[in-house]
Amino acid sequence: MAARSNGFGDREILLRFDCLIKTKTPKFEQYYTTRTEADFKRAQKKIIEVWKGISRGIFIPNDGSQNWRCKNCSYKKHCDEWFER
């Protein structure tokens, strides 16, 4: 969406995800993808709704508090407090 709004709207944009796979023998993989106009509209609508929630102070905790990503998350305390209420 950013590339489109910065002068590349008339081109097909190919996205590449570079992934480091952390296994016993690490490997590097690349995945290519494109996005349709429907994908952009869906993302834009979701972004607007999330922004409305943020603006209203709505907090939706992650219910996967045992998730590996939660361990170092700066919002973990807020999630824990929310569940304790």
Protein backbone atom coordinates (compact mmCIF):
# COMPACT_ATOMS: atom_id res chain seq x y z
CA MET A 1 0.00 0.00 0.00
CA ALA A 2 2.88 2.33 0.81
CA ALA A 3 4.59 1.64 -2.51
CA ARG A 4 1.34 2.32 -4.38
CA SER A 5 0.82 5.62 -2.62
CA ASN A 6 4.43 6.66 -3.28
CA GLY A 7 4.31 6.64 -7.06
CA PHE A 8 4.24 2.95 -7.92
CA GLY A 9 0.46 2.61 -8.24
CA ASP A 10 0.63 1.95 -11.96
CA ARG A 11 2.89 -1.10 -11.58
CA GLU A 12 2.31 -4.65 -10.42
CA ILE A 13 4.20 -5.01 -7.15
CA LEU A 14 5.87 -8.30 -6.32
CA LEU A 15 6.52 -8.79 -2.61
CA ARG A 16 9.29 -10.96 -1.25
CA PHE A 17 9.45 -12.38 2.26
CA ASP A 18 12.95 -13.40 3.36
CA CYS A 19 12.66 -16.00 6.10
CA LEU A 20 15.32 -17.49 8.33
CA ILE A 21 14.08 -20.90 9.41
CA LYS A 22 15.47 -21.61 12.87
CA THR A 23 15.79 -25.39 12.93
CA LYS A 24 18.66 -27.67 13.91
CA THR A 25 20.17 -26.83 10.54
CA PRO A 26 19.03 -23.23 9.89
CA LYS A 27 18.04 -22.35 6.36
CA PHE A 28 17.02 -19.25 4.47
CA GLU A 29 13.88 -19.29 2.31
CA GLN A 30 12.28 -16.69 0.07
CA TYR A 31 8.58 -16.48 -0.68
CA TYR A 32 7.08 -14.28 -3.38
CA THR A 33 3.53 -12.97 -3.45
CA THR A 34 1.32 -10.25 -4.88
CA ARG A 35 -1.76 -8.52 -3.51
CA THR A 36 -5.06 -7.86 -5.27
CA GLU A 37 -7.21 -4.75 -5.02
CA ALA A 38 -9.52 -6.72 -2.71
CA ASP A 39 -6.54 -7.45 -0.44
CA PHE A 40 -5.77 -3.72 -0.23
CA LYS A 41 -9.39 -2.83 0.54
CA ARG A 42 -9.60 -5.53 3.23
CA ALA A 43 -6.36 -4.34 4.86
CA GLN A 44 -7.44 -0.69 4.70
CA LYS A 45 -10.78 -1.48 6.34
CA LYS A 46 -9.07 -3.48 9.10
CA ILE A 47 -6.53 -0.70 9.73
CA ILE A 48 -9.32 1.86 10.06
CA GLU A 49 -11.24 -0.32 12.54
CA VAL A 50 -8.13 -0.99 14.63
CA TRP A 51 -7.35 2.75 14.69
CA LYS A 52 -10.91 3.46 15.90
CA GLY A 53 -10.37 1.00 18.76
CA ILE A 54 -7.01 2.51 19.69
CA SER A 55 -8.50 6.02 19.61
CA ARG A 56 -11.28 4.90 21.98
CA GLY A 57 -8.84 3.22 24.37
CA ILE A 58 -10.08 -0.29 23.65
CA PHE A 59 -7.58 -2.94 24.74
CA ILE A 60 -7.94 -6.50 23.51
CA PRO A 61 -5.49 -8.78 25.33
CA ASN A 62 -3.70 -11.67 23.74
CA ASP A 63 -5.25 -14.79 25.23
CA GLY A 64 -2.15 -16.80 24.42
CA SER A 65 -0.24 -15.58 27.46
CA GLN A 66 1.87 -18.72 27.38
CA ASN A 67 2.83 -17.88 23.82
CA TRP A 68 6.60 -17.53 23.24
CA ARG A 69 6.05 -14.05 21.81
CA CYS A 70 4.44 -12.85 25.06
CA LYS A 71 7.55 -13.41 27.16
CA ASN A 72 9.29 -10.20 26.07
CA CYS A 73 6.22 -8.22 25.00
CA SER A 74 5.96 -4.74 26.51
CA TYR A 75 2.18 -5.22 26.88
CA LYS A 76 2.36 -8.55 28.76
CA LYS A 77 1.74 -6.82 32.11
CA HIS A 78 -1.40 -5.19 30.70
CA CYS A 79 -2.72 -8.53 29.42
CA ASP A 80 -2.04 -10.20 32.77
CA GLU A 81 -3.79 -7.38 34.64
CA TRP A 82 -6.76 -7.53 32.29
CA PHE A 83 -7.22 -11.28 32.89
CA GLU A 84 -6.89 -10.85 36.68
CA ARG A 85 -9.72 -8.27 36.82
